[in-house]
Amino acid sequence: MSASVSRTAVVAAPPGDAWEVLADFGALARWVPEVDHACLLRGGPPGVGTTRRVQVGRTTLLETVRAWSPPVHLGY
């Protein structure tokens, strides 16, 4: 099963600062309280194709980076 979700947010921070947080793709649980655990499934440099496993309660999500243009665009 797959789903498509779209979210946009305006952040009061320089793009480089926001990118440092968002691009740490395996660290989602540090800044999203609902996430119990997140980890990268493959090693290597981050970018298009990077996949993470996200645990939210009993729900497991697999998210794959589809767009990577530092420091302005990250899509997964």
PDB file of N, CA and C in Angstrom:
ATOM      1  N   MET A   1       0.843  -1.175   0.000  1.00  0.00           N
ATOM      2  CA  MET A   1       0.000   0.000   0.000  1.00  0.00           C
ATOM      3  C   MET A   1       0.886   1.235   0.000  1.00  0.00           C
ATOM      4  N   SER A   2       0.571   2.202  -0.808  1.00  0.00           N
ATOM      5  CA  SER A   2       1.313   3.457  -0.802  1.00  0.00           C
ATOM      6  C   SER A   2       0.326   4.607  -0.728  1.00  0.00           C
ATOM      7  N   ALA A   3       0.829   5.731  -0.256  1.00  0.00           N
ATOM      8  CA  ALA A   3      -0.011   6.912  -0.117  1.00  0.00           C
ATOM      9  C   ALA A   3       0.801   8.131  -0.502  1.00  0.00           C
ATOM     10  N   SER A   4       0.117   9.174  -0.872  1.00  0.00           N
ATOM     11  CA  SER A   4       0.771  10.429  -1.194  1.00  0.00           C
ATOM     12  C   SER A   4       0.256  11.501  -0.247  1.00  0.00           C
ATOM     13  N   VAL A   5       1.185  12.173   0.411  1.00  0.00           N
ATOM     14  CA  VAL A   5       0.839  13.237   1.349  1.00  0.00           C
ATOM     15  C   VAL A   5       1.703  14.433   1.006  1.00  0.00           C
ATOM     16  N   SER A   6       1.133  15.618   1.058  1.00  0.00           N
ATOM     17  CA  SER A   6       1.898  16.823   0.773  1.00  0.00           C
ATOM     18  C   SER A   6       1.741  17.802   1.921  1.00  0.00           C
ATOM     19  N   ARG A   7       2.858  18.353   2.372  1.00  0.00           N
ATOM     20  CA  ARG A   7       2.849  19.354   3.433  1.00  0.00           C
ATOM     21  C   ARG A   7       3.858  20.436   3.072  1.00  0.00           C
ATOM     22  N   THR A   8       3.527  21.662   3.379  1.00  0.00           N
ATOM     23  CA  THR A   8       4.428  22.789   3.173  1.00  0.00           C
ATOM     24  C   THR A   8       4.456  23.595   4.457  1.00  0.00           C
ATOM     25  N   ALA A   9       5.630  24.091   4.815  1.00  0.00           N
ATOM     26  CA  ALA A   9       5.748  24.904   6.023  1.00  0.00           C
ATOM     27  C   ALA A   9       6.716  26.047   5.762  1.00  0.00           C
ATOM     28  N   VAL A  10       6.448  27.170   6.386  1.00  0.00           N
ATOM     29  CA  VAL A  10       7.360  28.305   6.352  1.00  0.00           C
ATOM     30  C   VAL A  10       8.075  28.328   7.696  1.00  0.00           C
ATOM     31  N   VAL A  11       9.399  28.352   7.661  1.00  0.00           N
ATOM     32  CA  VAL A  11      10.208  28.298   8.872  1.00  0.00           C
ATOM     33  C   VAL A  11      11.010  29.586   8.985  1.00  0.00           C
ATOM     34  N   ALA A  12      11.009  30.171  10.171  1.00  0.00           N
ATOM     35  CA  ALA A  12      11.752  31.414  10.405  1.00  0.00           C
ATOM     36  C   ALA A  12      13.212  31.087  10.707  1.00  0.00           C
ATOM     37  N   ALA A  13      13.913  30.604   9.705  1.00  0.00           N
ATOM     38  CA  ALA A  13      15.333  30.262   9.848  1.00  0.00           C
ATOM     39  C   ALA A  13      15.976  30.360   8.473  1.00  0.00           C
ATOM     40  N   PRO A  14      17.270  30.631   8.429  1.00  0.00           N
ATOM     41  CA  PRO A  14      17.955  30.630   7.138  1.00  0.00           C
ATOM     42  C   PRO A  14      17.867  29.241   6.495  1.00  0.00           C
ATOM     43  N   PRO A  15      17.805  29.162   5.169  1.00  0.00           N
ATOM     44  CA  PRO A  15      17.689  27.862   4.499  1.00  0.00           C
ATOM     45  C   PRO A  15      18.752  26.855   4.937  1.00  0.00           C
ATOM     46  N   GLY A  16      19.976  27.294   5.115  1.00  0.00           N
ATOM     47  CA  GLY A  16      21.040  26.370   5.513  1.00  0.00           C
ATOM     48  C   GLY A  16      20.800  25.746   6.876  1.00  0.00           C
ATOM     49  N   ASP A  17      20.268  26.533   7.814  1.00  0.00           N
ATOM     50  CA  ASP A  17      19.980  26.009   9.153  1.00  0.00           C
ATOM     51  C   ASP A  17      18.850  24.985   9.108  1.00  0.00           C
ATOM     52  N   ALA A  18      17.796  25.307   8.362  1.00  0.00           N
ATOM     53  CA  ALA A  18      16.677  24.368   8.232  1.00  0.00           C
ATOM     54  C   ALA A  18      17.138  23.097   7.523  1.00  0.00           C
ATOM     55  N   TRP A  19      17.974  23.253   6.500  1.00  0.00           N
ATOM     56  CA  TRP A  19      18.457  22.094   5.746  1.00  0.00           C
ATOM     57  C   TRP A  19      19.245  21.136   6.635  1.00  0.00           C
ATOM     58  N   GLU A  20      20.076  21.663   7.532  1.00  0.00           N
ATOM     59  CA  GLU A  20      20.864  20.802   8.418  1.00  0.00           C
ATOM     60  C   GLU A  20      19.970  19.859   9.223  1.00  0.00           C
ATOM     61  N   VAL A  21      18.834  20.357   9.674  1.00  0.00           N
ATOM     62  CA  VAL A  21      17.906  19.527  10.452  1.00  0.00           C
ATOM     63  C   VAL A  21      17.190  18.536   9.541  1.00  0.00           C
ATOM     64  N   LEU A  22      16.623  19.020   8.442  1.00  0.00           N
ATOM     65  CA  LEU A  22      15.841  18.153   7.557  1.00  0.00           C
ATOM     66  C   LEU A  22      16.694  17.111   6.847  1.00  0.00           C
ATOM     67  N   ALA A  23      17.915  17.462   6.499  1.00  0.00           N
ATOM     68  CA  ALA A  23      18.774  16.551   5.743  1.00  0.00           C
ATOM     69  C   ALA A  23      19.367  15.445   6.608  1.00  0.00           C
ATOM     70  N   ASP A  24      19.259  15.576   7.924  1.00  0.00           N
ATOM     71  CA  ASP A  24      19.679  14.489   8.812  1.00  0.00           C
ATOM     72  C   ASP A  24      18.516  13.499   8.839  1.00  0.00           C
ATOM     73  N   PHE A  25      18.358  12.785   7.739  1.00  0.00           N
ATOM     74  CA  PHE A  25      17.154  12.016   7.428  1.00  0.00           C
ATOM     75  C   PHE A  25      16.849  10.931   8.456  1.00  0.00           C
ATOM     76  N   GLY A  26      17.852  10.424   9.148  1.00  0.00           N
ATOM     77  CA  GLY A  26      17.618   9.385  10.141  1.00  0.00           C
ATOM     78  C   GLY A  26      17.293   9.917  11.525  1.00  0.00           C
ATOM     79  N   ALA A  27      17.337  11.235  11.711  1.00  0.00           N
ATOM     80  CA  ALA A  27      17.167  11.835  13.037  1.00  0.00           C
ATOM     81  C   ALA A  27      15.770  12.406  13.270  1.00  0.00           C
ATOM     82  N   LEU A  28      14.810  11.966  12.518  1.00  0.00           N
ATOM     83  CA  LEU A  28      13.452  12.506  12.594  1.00  0.00           C
ATOM     84  C   LEU A  28      12.878  12.473  14.008  1.00  0.00           C
ATOM     85  N   ALA A  29      13.159  11.420  14.766  1.00  0.00           N
ATOM     86  CA  ALA A  29      12.588  11.272  16.113  1.00  0.00           C
ATOM     87  C   ALA A  29      13.074  12.359  17.069  1.00  0.00           C
ATOM     88  N   ARG A  30      14.171  13.030  16.747  1.00  0.00           N
ATOM     89  CA  ARG A  30      14.675  14.099  17.619  1.00  0.00           C
ATOM     90  C   ARG A  30      13.784  15.330  17.614  1.00  0.00           C
ATOM     91  N   TRP A  31      13.075  15.571  16.504  1.00  0.00           N
ATOM     92  CA  TRP A  31      12.294  16.805  16.420  1.00  0.00           C
ATOM     93  C   TRP A  31      10.826  16.602  16.070  1.00  0.00           C
ATOM     94  N   VAL A  32      10.386  15.360  15.922  1.00  0.00           N
ATOM     95  CA  VAL A  32       8.962  15.071  15.714  1.00  0.00           C
ATOM     96  C   VAL A  32       8.509  14.198  16.884  1.00  0.00           C
ATOM     97  N   PRO A  33       7.793  14.772  17.847  1.00  0.00           N
ATOM     98  CA  PRO A  33       7.459  14.036  19.067  1.00  0.00           C
ATOM     99  C   PRO A  33       6.650  12.757  18.842  1.00  0.00           C
ATOM    100  N   GLU A  34       5.861  12.691  17.773  1.00  0.00           N
ATOM    101  CA  GLU A  34       5.041  11.503  17.518  1.00  0.00           C
ATOM    102  C   GLU A  34       5.858  10.310  17.024  1.00  0.00           C
ATOM    103  N   VAL A  35       7.069  10.558  16.559  1.00  0.00           N
ATOM    104  CA  VAL A  35       7.907   9.487  16.014  1.00  0.00           C
ATOM    105  C   VAL A  35       8.663   8.804  17.149  1.00  0.00           C
ATOM    106  N   ASP A  36       8.476   7.496  17.260  1.00  0.00           N
ATOM    107  CA  ASP A  36       9.159   6.722  18.298  1.00  0.00           C
ATOM    108  C   ASP A  36      10.590   6.386  17.896  1.00  0.00           C
ATOM    109  N   HIS A  37      10.795   6.137  16.608  1.00  0.00           N
ATOM    110  CA  HIS A  37      12.111   5.723  16.129  1.00  0.00           C
ATOM    111  C   HIS A  37      12.191   5.967  14.628  1.00  0.00           C
ATOM    112  N   ALA A  38      13.363   6.357  14.160  1.00  0.00           N
ATOM    113  CA  ALA A  38      13.613   6.481  12.720  1.00  0.00           C
ATOM    114  C   ALA A  38      15.053   6.066  12.462  1.00  0.00           C
ATOM    115  N   CYS A  39      15.276   5.340  11.375  1.00  0.00           N
ATOM    116  CA  CYS A  39      16.639   4.935  11.033  1.00  0.00           C
ATOM    117  C   CYS A  39      16.766   4.802   9.519  1.00  0.00           C
ATOM    118  N   LEU A  40      17.988   4.992   9.043  1.00  0.00           N
ATOM    119  CA  LEU A  40      18.269   4.815   7.622  1.00  0.00           C
ATOM    120  C   LEU A  40      18.377   3.331   7.318  1.00  0.00           C
ATOM    121  N   LEU A  41      17.879   2.929   6.162  1.00  0.00           N
ATOM    122  CA  LEU A  41      17.926   1.519   5.785  1.00  0.00           C
ATOM    123  C   LEU A  41      19.124   1.183   4.916  1.00  0.00           C
ATOM    124  N   ARG A  42      19.743   2.182   4.322  1.00  0.00           N
ATOM    125  CA  ARG A  42      20.915   1.949   3.479  1.00  0.00           C
ATOM    126  C   ARG A  42      21.979   2.968   3.818  1.00  0.00           C
ATOM    127  N   GLY A  43      23.226   2.537   3.787  1.00  0.00           N
ATOM    128  CA  GLY A  43      24.324   3.457   4.020  1.00  0.00           C
ATOM    129  C   GLY A  43      24.607   4.285   2.785  1.00  0.00           C
ATOM    130  N   GLY A  44      25.632   5.075   2.855  1.00  0.00           N
ATOM    131  CA  GLY A  44      26.004   5.904   1.721  1.00  0.00           C
ATOM    132  C   GLY A  44      25.614   7.343   1.942  1.00  0.00           C
ATOM    133  N   PRO A  45      25.988   8.200   1.015  1.00  0.00           N
ATOM    134  CA  PRO A  45      25.674   9.617   1.172  1.00  0.00           C
ATOM    135  C   PRO A  45      24.170   9.854   1.044  1.00  0.00           C
ATOM    136  N   PRO A  46      23.648  10.831   1.792  1.00  0.00           N
ATOM    137  CA  PRO A  46      22.220  11.132   1.680  1.00  0.00           C
ATOM    138  C   PRO A  46      21.908  11.739   0.316  1.00  0.00           C
ATOM    139  N   GLY A  47      20.702  11.514  -0.136  1.00  0.00           N
ATOM    140  CA  GLY A  47      20.268  12.065  -1.410  1.00  0.00           C
ATOM    141  C   GLY A  47      19.125  11.251  -1.972  1.00  0.00           C
ATOM    142  N   VAL A  48      18.816  11.471  -3.230  1.00  0.00           N
ATOM    143  CA  VAL A  48      17.730  10.737  -3.880  1.00  0.00           C
ATOM    144  C   VAL A  48      18.000   9.239  -3.748  1.00  0.00           C
ATOM    145  N   GLY A  49      16.991   8.517  -3.305  1.00  0.00           N
ATOM    146  CA  GLY A  49      17.113   7.077  -3.107  1.00  0.00           C
ATOM    147  C   GLY A  49      17.344   6.673  -1.661  1.00  0.00           C
ATOM    148  N   THR A  50      17.751   7.612  -0.804  1.00  0.00           N
ATOM    149  CA  THR A  50      17.924   7.305   0.615  1.00  0.00           C
ATOM    150  C   THR A  50      16.568   6.917   1.200  1.00  0.00           C
ATOM    151  N   THR A  51      16.535   5.824   1.955  1.00  0.00           N
ATOM    152  CA  THR A  51      15.281   5.340   2.536  1.00  0.00           C
ATOM    153  C   THR A  51      15.415   5.251   4.048  1.00  0.00           C
ATOM    154  N   ARG A  52      14.362   5.663   4.738  1.00  0.00           N
ATOM    155  CA  ARG A  52      14.347   5.523   6.192  1.00  0.00           C
ATOM    156  C   ARG A  52      13.100   4.755   6.615  1.00  0.00           C
ATOM    157  N   ARG A  53      13.230   4.109   7.755  1.00  0.00           N
ATOM    158  CA  ARG A  53      12.115   3.417   8.402  1.00  0.00           C
ATOM    159  C   ARG A  53      11.693   4.290   9.571  1.00  0.00           C
ATOM    160  N   VAL A  54      10.399   4.578   9.665  1.00  0.00           N
ATOM    161  CA  VAL A  54       9.867   5.440  10.716  1.00  0.00           C
ATOM    162  C   VAL A  54       8.829   4.645  11.503  1.00  0.00           C
ATOM    163  N   GLN A  55       8.970   4.650  12.817  1.00  0.00           N
ATOM    164  CA  GLN A  55       8.030   3.948  13.690  1.00  0.00           C
ATOM    165  C   GLN A  55       7.211   4.971  14.459  1.00  0.00           C
ATOM    166  N   VAL A  56       5.891   4.912  14.290  1.00  0.00           N
ATOM    167  CA  VAL A  56       4.958   5.768  15.011  1.00  0.00           C
ATOM    168  C   VAL A  56       3.960   4.832  15.682  1.00  0.00           C
ATOM    169  N   GLY A  57       4.171   4.584  16.969  1.00  0.00           N
ATOM    170  CA  GLY A  57       3.332   3.598  17.647  1.00  0.00           C
ATOM    171  C   GLY A  57       3.513   2.245  16.984  1.00  0.00           C
ATOM    172  N   ARG A  58       2.414   1.627  16.584  1.00  0.00           N
ATOM    173  CA  ARG A  58       2.473   0.323  15.913  1.00  0.00           C
ATOM    174  C   ARG A  58       2.565   0.441  14.397  1.00  0.00           C
ATOM    175  N   THR A  59       2.600   1.665  13.906  1.00  0.00           N
ATOM    176  CA  THR A  59       2.656   1.900  12.462  1.00  0.00           C
ATOM    177  C   THR A  59       4.098   2.085  12.010  1.00  0.00           C
ATOM    178  N   THR A  60       4.471   1.375  10.958  1.00  0.00           N
ATOM    179  CA  THR A  60       5.803   1.501  10.371  1.00  0.00           C
ATOM    180  C   THR A  60       5.675   2.111   8.984  1.00  0.00           C
ATOM    181  N   LEU A  61       6.467   3.138   8.729  1.00  0.00           N
ATOM    182  CA  LEU A  61       6.475   3.799   7.426  1.00  0.00           C
ATOM    183  C   LEU A  61       7.845   3.650   6.793  1.00  0.00           C
ATOM    184  N   LEU A  62       7.885   3.497   5.491  1.00  0.00           N
ATOM    185  CA  LEU A  62       9.128   3.557   4.736  1.00  0.00           C
ATOM    186  C   LEU A  62       9.051   4.798   3.866  1.00  0.00           C
ATOM    187  N   GLU A  63      10.035   5.677   4.009  1.00  0.00           N
ATOM    188  CA  GLU A  63      10.055   6.926   3.254  1.00  0.00           C
ATOM    189  C   GLU A  63      11.344   6.990   2.440  1.00  0.00           C
ATOM    190  N   THR A  64      11.215   7.308   1.168  1.00  0.00           N
ATOM    191  CA  THR A  64      12.362   7.371   0.272  1.00  0.00           C
ATOM    192  C   THR A  64      12.487   8.777  -0.297  1.00  0.00           C
ATOM    193  N   VAL A  65      13.697   9.324  -0.260  1.00  0.00           N
ATOM    194  CA  VAL A  65      13.945  10.660  -0.805  1.00  0.00           C
ATOM    195  C   VAL A  65      13.744  10.624  -2.317  1.00  0.00           C
ATOM    196  N   ARG A  66      12.903  11.517  -2.823  1.00  0.00           N
ATOM    197  CA  ARG A  66      12.601  11.619  -4.257  1.00  0.00           C
ATOM    198  C   ARG A  66      13.175  12.885  -4.881  1.00  0.00           C
ATOM    199  N   ALA A  67      13.443  13.903  -4.036  1.00  0.00           N
ATOM    200  CA  ALA A  67      14.011  15.172  -4.521  1.00  0.00           C
ATOM    201  C   ALA A  67      15.023  15.662  -3.497  1.00  0.00           C
ATOM    202  N   TRP A  68      16.194  16.102  -3.973  1.00  0.00           N
ATOM    203  CA  TRP A  68      17.284  16.520  -3.079  1.00  0.00           C
ATOM    204  C   TRP A  68      18.053  17.639  -3.761  1.00  0.00           C
ATOM    205  N   SER A  69      17.790  18.884  -3.358  1.00  0.00           N
ATOM    206  CA  SER A  69      18.485  20.048  -3.913  1.00  0.00           C
ATOM    207  C   SER A  69      18.899  20.962  -2.768  1.00  0.00           C
ATOM    208  N   PRO A  70      20.038  20.661  -2.119  1.00  0.00           N
ATOM    209  CA  PRO A  70      20.482  21.474  -0.982  1.00  0.00           C
ATOM    210  C   PRO A  70      20.689  22.929  -1.385  1.00  0.00           C
ATOM    211  N   PRO A  71      20.354  23.854  -0.540  1.00  0.00           N
ATOM    212  CA  PRO A  71      19.652  23.710   0.734  1.00  0.00           C
ATOM    213  C   PRO A  71      18.186  24.112   0.648  1.00  0.00           C
ATOM    214  N   VAL A  72      17.535  23.883  -0.486  1.00  0.00           N
ATOM    215  CA  VAL A  72      16.187  24.441  -0.648  1.00  0.00           C
ATOM    216  C   VAL A  72      15.062  23.447  -0.911  1.00  0.00           C
ATOM    217  N   HIS A  73      15.357  22.228  -1.324  1.00  0.00           N
ATOM    218  CA  HIS A  73      14.262  21.320  -1.686  1.00  0.00           C
ATOM    219  C   HIS A  73      14.587  19.891  -1.279  1.00  0.00           C
ATOM    220  N   LEU A  74      13.722  19.343  -0.439  1.00  0.00           N
ATOM    221  CA  LEU A  74      13.812  17.947  -0.026  1.00  0.00           C
ATOM    222  C   LEU A  74      12.424  17.353  -0.162  1.00  0.00           C
ATOM    223  N   GLY A  75      12.301  16.323  -0.951  1.00  0.00           N
ATOM    224  CA  GLY A  75      11.006  15.671  -1.131  1.00  0.00           C
ATOM    225  C   GLY A  75      11.144  14.184  -0.904  1.00  0.00           C
ATOM    226  N   TYR A  76      10.171  13.603  -0.222  1.00  0.00           N
ATOM    227  CA  TYR A  76      10.191  12.162   0.020  1.00  0.00           C
ATOM    228  C   TYR A  76       8.796  11.629   0.090  1.00  0.00           C
TER     229      TYR A  76
END
